[in-house]
Amino acid sequence: MQNTVTSNDQDITEFLKPAAYNAEVFAQIIGEILQTGMPVTNKAIISVLITRLEQESDVAQLNIYRQLLEKVVNKTPDDLAI
């Protein structure tokens, strides 16, 4: 099975670049997804972030996960403007 990064995923990566403190966490999440053999998609990233939010107790780490989740959800092209 081949893992590919779509243009949407590249767009998300570009969008998150300015937030350097989130970059390491984002890279860990991408690595975690790739290790499972699944493609890196917005849905997969959101799923991992929600799981981490449910399991984390450190307030600082929770804020990082929330910020990343907010950026990914706001960047997701699934919501078409009608």
Protein backbone atom coordinates (compact mmCIF):
# COMPACT_ATOMS: atom_id res chain seq x y z
CA MET A 1 0.00 0.00 0.00
CA GLN A 2 1.41 3.35 -1.02
CA ASN A 3 0.99 6.43 1.13
CA THR A 4 0.62 9.66 -0.78
CA VAL A 5 0.32 13.23 0.36
CA THR A 6 -2.41 15.09 -1.49
CA SER A 7 -2.36 18.77 -2.37
CA ASN A 8 -4.83 19.39 0.48
CA ASP A 9 -2.34 17.90 2.92
CA GLN A 10 0.42 20.07 1.47
CA ASP A 11 -1.84 23.11 1.85
CA ILE A 12 -2.38 22.26 5.52
CA THR A 13 1.35 21.90 6.06
CA GLU A 14 1.96 25.32 4.46
CA PHE A 15 -0.82 26.83 6.56
CA LEU A 16 0.69 25.51 9.79
CA LYS A 17 4.32 26.51 9.06
CA PRO A 18 4.16 29.87 10.91
CA ALA A 19 3.22 28.10 14.13
CA ALA A 20 6.68 26.67 14.79
CA TYR A 21 5.79 25.36 18.23
CA ASN A 22 3.02 23.27 16.66
CA ALA A 23 5.21 21.94 13.85
CA GLU A 24 6.79 19.21 15.95
CA VAL A 25 3.43 17.98 17.23
CA PHE A 26 2.00 18.09 13.71
CA ALA A 27 4.96 16.06 12.43
CA GLN A 28 4.41 13.47 15.17
CA ILE A 29 0.77 13.15 14.18
CA ILE A 30 1.65 12.71 10.51
CA GLY A 31 4.22 10.06 11.47
CA GLU A 32 1.68 8.27 13.62
CA ILE A 33 -0.79 8.15 10.74
CA LEU A 34 1.84 6.93 8.29
CA GLN A 35 2.89 4.16 10.70
CA THR A 36 -0.64 2.78 10.62
CA GLY A 37 -0.44 2.48 6.82
CA MET A 38 -3.32 4.89 6.31
CA PRO A 39 -3.13 7.84 3.93
CA VAL A 40 -2.61 11.24 5.51
CA THR A 41 -5.94 13.00 5.18
CA ASN A 42 -7.74 15.78 7.01
CA LYS A 43 -10.06 13.17 8.52
CA ALA A 44 -7.13 11.11 9.82
CA ILE A 45 -5.42 14.19 11.31
CA ILE A 46 -8.66 15.28 12.99
CA SER A 47 -9.20 11.79 14.39
CA VAL A 48 -5.72 11.65 15.93
CA LEU A 49 -6.09 15.14 17.40
CA ILE A 50 -9.45 14.28 18.98
CA THR A 51 -7.99 11.09 20.45
CA ARG A 52 -5.08 13.05 21.90
CA LEU A 53 -7.43 15.67 23.33
CA GLU A 54 -9.42 12.95 25.09
CA GLN A 55 -6.32 11.35 26.60
CA GLU A 56 -4.24 14.42 27.56
CA SER A 57 -4.30 16.07 30.97
CA ASP A 58 -1.53 18.69 30.52
CA VAL A 59 -3.16 22.08 29.89
CA ALA A 60 -0.35 23.39 27.68
CA GLN A 61 -0.45 20.30 25.48
CA LEU A 62 -4.24 20.47 25.29
CA ASN A 63 -3.97 24.03 24.00
CA ILE A 64 -1.56 22.93 21.27
CA TYR A 65 -3.92 20.13 20.20
CA ARG A 66 -6.88 22.54 20.20
CA GLN A 67 -5.01 25.06 18.08
CA LEU A 68 -3.98 22.41 15.58
CA LEU A 69 -7.49 21.00 15.45
CA GLU A 70 -8.94 24.45 14.86
CA LYS A 71 -6.50 25.09 12.01
CA VAL A 72 -7.15 21.74 10.35
CA VAL A 73 -10.93 22.02 10.67
CA ASN A 74 -10.93 25.59 9.34
CA LYS A 75 -8.72 24.52 6.44
CA THR A 76 -10.81 21.46 5.52
CA PRO A 77 -12.47 22.04 2.12
CA ASP A 78 -15.36 19.68 2.93
CA ASP A 79 -17.68 22.53 3.87
CA LEU A 80 -18.82 24.07 0.61
CA ALA A 81 -20.24 27.55 0.72
CA ILE A 82 -23.79 27.51 -0.59
